[in-house]
Amino acid sequence: MATCKGCGEEAEALVSVKVDGKAKKLCEDCADRAREASEIAEASESVVQGMMGFKGRR
Protein backbone atom coordinates (compact mmCIF):
# COMPACT_ATOMS: atom_id res chain seq x y z
CA MET A 1 0.00 0.00 0.00
CA ALA A 2 1.13 3.51 -0.81
CA THR A 3 0.92 6.44 1.60
CA CYS A 4 -0.81 9.69 0.64
CA LYS A 5 1.41 12.78 1.01
CA GLY A 6 -1.58 14.95 1.97
CA CYS A 7 -3.30 13.06 4.76
CA GLY A 8 -0.68 10.43 5.59
CA GLU A 9 -3.12 7.53 5.28
CA GLU A 10 -2.57 4.44 3.20
CA ALA A 11 -4.44 4.26 -0.12
CA GLU A 12 -4.74 1.58 -2.78
CA ALA A 13 -4.03 3.98 -5.64
CA LEU A 14 -2.43 7.41 -5.66
CA VAL A 15 -3.07 10.16 -8.20
CA SER A 16 -0.34 12.55 -9.33
CA VAL A 17 -1.53 16.17 -8.98
CA LYS A 18 0.34 19.46 -9.44
CA VAL A 19 0.09 21.58 -6.30
CA ASP A 20 1.85 24.97 -6.30
CA GLY A 21 3.92 23.90 -9.31
CA LYS A 22 5.08 20.64 -7.72
CA ALA A 23 3.78 17.17 -8.52
CA LYS A 24 2.47 15.30 -5.48
CA LYS A 25 1.00 11.83 -5.19
CA LEU A 26 -2.28 12.07 -3.31
CA CYS A 27 -5.28 9.85 -2.66
CA GLU A 28 -8.50 10.61 -4.57
CA ASP A 29 -10.03 12.68 -1.74
CA CYS A 30 -6.94 14.84 -1.25
CA ALA A 31 -6.53 15.22 -5.03
CA ASP A 32 -10.11 16.50 -5.36
CA ARG A 33 -9.56 18.98 -2.52
CA ALA A 34 -6.29 20.20 -4.09
CA ARG A 35 -7.98 20.72 -7.47
CA GLU A 36 -10.83 22.67 -5.89
CA ALA A 37 -8.43 24.85 -3.90
CA SER A 38 -6.39 25.68 -7.01
CA GLU A 39 -9.55 26.55 -8.99
CA ILE A 40 -10.76 28.84 -6.19
CA ALA A 41 -7.36 30.54 -5.91
CA GLU A 42 -7.21 31.10 -9.67
CA ALA A 43 -10.72 32.57 -9.76
CA SER A 44 -10.09 34.89 -6.80
CA GLU A 45 -6.81 36.08 -8.31
CA SER A 46 -8.65 36.91 -11.53
CA VAL A 47 -11.30 38.90 -9.66
CA VAL A 48 -8.70 40.87 -7.67
CA GLN A 49 -6.72 41.65 -10.82
CA GLY A 50 -9.94 42.84 -12.46
CA MET A 51 -10.69 45.17 -9.54
CA MET A 52 -7.15 46.56 -9.61
CA GLY A 53 -7.26 47.13 -13.37
CA PHE A 54 -4.31 44.80 -14.01
CA LYS A 55 -3.75 44.35 -17.73
CA GLY A 56 -0.63 42.17 -17.66
CA ARG A 57 -0.10 38.62 -18.74
CA ARG A 58 -1.21 35.61 -16.77
C-alpha atoms as a PDB file:
ATOM      1  CA  MET A   1       0.000   0.000   0.000  1.00  0.00           C
ATOM      2  CA  ALA A   2       1.130   3.510  -0.810  1.00  0.00           C
ATOM      3  CA  THR A   3       0.920   6.439   1.596  1.00  0.00           C
ATOM      4  CA  CYS A   4      -0.806   9.695   0.642  1.00  0.00           C
ATOM      5  CA  LYS A   5       1.406  12.784   1.015  1.00  0.00           C
ATOM      6  CA  GLY A   6      -1.583  14.950   1.965  1.00  0.00           C
ATOM      7  CA  CYS A   7      -3.297  13.057   4.760  1.00  0.00           C
ATOM      8  CA  GLY A   8      -0.683  10.432   5.586  1.00  0.00           C
ATOM      9  CA  GLU A   9      -3.115   7.528   5.281  1.00  0.00           C
ATOM     10  CA  GLU A  10      -2.570   4.435   3.203  1.00  0.00           C
ATOM     11  CA  ALA A  11      -4.436   4.261  -0.121  1.00  0.00           C
ATOM     12  CA  GLU A  12      -4.740   1.583  -2.783  1.00  0.00           C
ATOM     13  CA  ALA A  13      -4.033   3.983  -5.640  1.00  0.00           C
ATOM     14  CA  LEU A  14      -2.427   7.413  -5.661  1.00  0.00           C
ATOM     15  CA  VAL A  15      -3.067  10.162  -8.195  1.00  0.00           C
ATOM     16  CA  SER A  16      -0.342  12.553  -9.333  1.00  0.00           C
ATOM     17  CA  VAL A  17      -1.530  16.173  -8.983  1.00  0.00           C
ATOM     18  CA  LYS A  18       0.340  19.464  -9.443  1.00  0.00           C
ATOM     19  CA  VAL A  19       0.094  21.580  -6.302  1.00  0.00           C
ATOM     20  CA  ASP A  20       1.850  24.966  -6.304  1.00  0.00           C
ATOM     21  CA  GLY A  21       3.919  23.896  -9.312  1.00  0.00           C
ATOM     22  CA  LYS A  22       5.080  20.636  -7.724  1.00  0.00           C
ATOM     23  CA  ALA A  23       3.775  17.166  -8.519  1.00  0.00           C
ATOM     24  CA  LYS A  24       2.474  15.298  -5.479  1.00  0.00           C
ATOM     25  CA  LYS A  25       0.998  11.831  -5.194  1.00  0.00           C
ATOM     26  CA  LEU A  26      -2.277  12.072  -3.305  1.00  0.00           C
ATOM     27  CA  CYS A  27      -5.280   9.852  -2.663  1.00  0.00           C
ATOM     28  CA  GLU A  28      -8.496  10.612  -4.570  1.00  0.00           C
ATOM     29  CA  ASP A  29     -10.034  12.683  -1.742  1.00  0.00           C
ATOM     30  CA  CYS A  30      -6.940  14.841  -1.249  1.00  0.00           C
ATOM     31  CA  ALA A  31      -6.529  15.224  -5.030  1.00  0.00           C
ATOM     32  CA  ASP A  32     -10.107  16.502  -5.358  1.00  0.00           C
ATOM     33  CA  ARG A  33      -9.564  18.983  -2.524  1.00  0.00           C
ATOM     34  CA  ALA A  34      -6.290  20.196  -4.087  1.00  0.00           C
ATOM     35  CA  ARG A  35      -7.978  20.716  -7.470  1.00  0.00           C
ATOM     36  CA  GLU A  36     -10.829  22.665  -5.888  1.00  0.00           C
ATOM     37  CA  ALA A  37      -8.429  24.845  -3.903  1.00  0.00           C
ATOM     38  CA  SER A  38      -6.391  25.684  -7.006  1.00  0.00           C
ATOM     39  CA  GLU A  39      -9.548  26.552  -8.987  1.00  0.00           C
ATOM     40  CA  ILE A  40     -10.758  28.839  -6.188  1.00  0.00           C
ATOM     41  CA  ALA A  41      -7.356  30.535  -5.908  1.00  0.00           C
ATOM     42  CA  GLU A  42      -7.211  31.098  -9.673  1.00  0.00           C
ATOM     43  CA  ALA A  43     -10.725  32.571  -9.761  1.00  0.00           C
ATOM     44  CA  SER A  44     -10.092  34.886  -6.802  1.00  0.00           C
ATOM     45  CA  GLU A  45      -6.813  36.082  -8.313  1.00  0.00           C
ATOM     46  CA  SER A  46      -8.647  36.912 -11.533  1.00  0.00           C
ATOM     47  CA  VAL A  47     -11.296  38.903  -9.659  1.00  0.00           C
ATOM     48  CA  VAL A  48      -8.700  40.867  -7.667  1.00  0.00           C
ATOM     49  CA  GLN A  49      -6.718  41.646 -10.819  1.00  0.00           C
ATOM     50  CA  GLY A  50      -9.938  42.843 -12.459  1.00  0.00           C
ATOM     51  CA  MET A  51     -10.687  45.171  -9.544  1.00  0.00           C
ATOM     52  CA  MET A  52      -7.154  46.560  -9.608  1.00  0.00           C
ATOM     53  CA  GLY A  53      -7.258  47.130 -13.365  1.00  0.00           C
ATOM     54  CA  PHE A  54      -4.313  44.801 -14.014  1.00  0.00           C
ATOM     55  CA  LYS A  55      -3.749  44.351 -17.730  1.00  0.00           C
ATOM     56  CA  GLY A  56      -0.626  42.174 -17.659  1.00  0.00           C
ATOM     57  CA  ARG A  57      -0.098  38.620 -18.742  1.00  0.00           C
ATOM     58  CA  ARG A  58      -1.207  35.610 -16.769  1.00  0.00           C
END
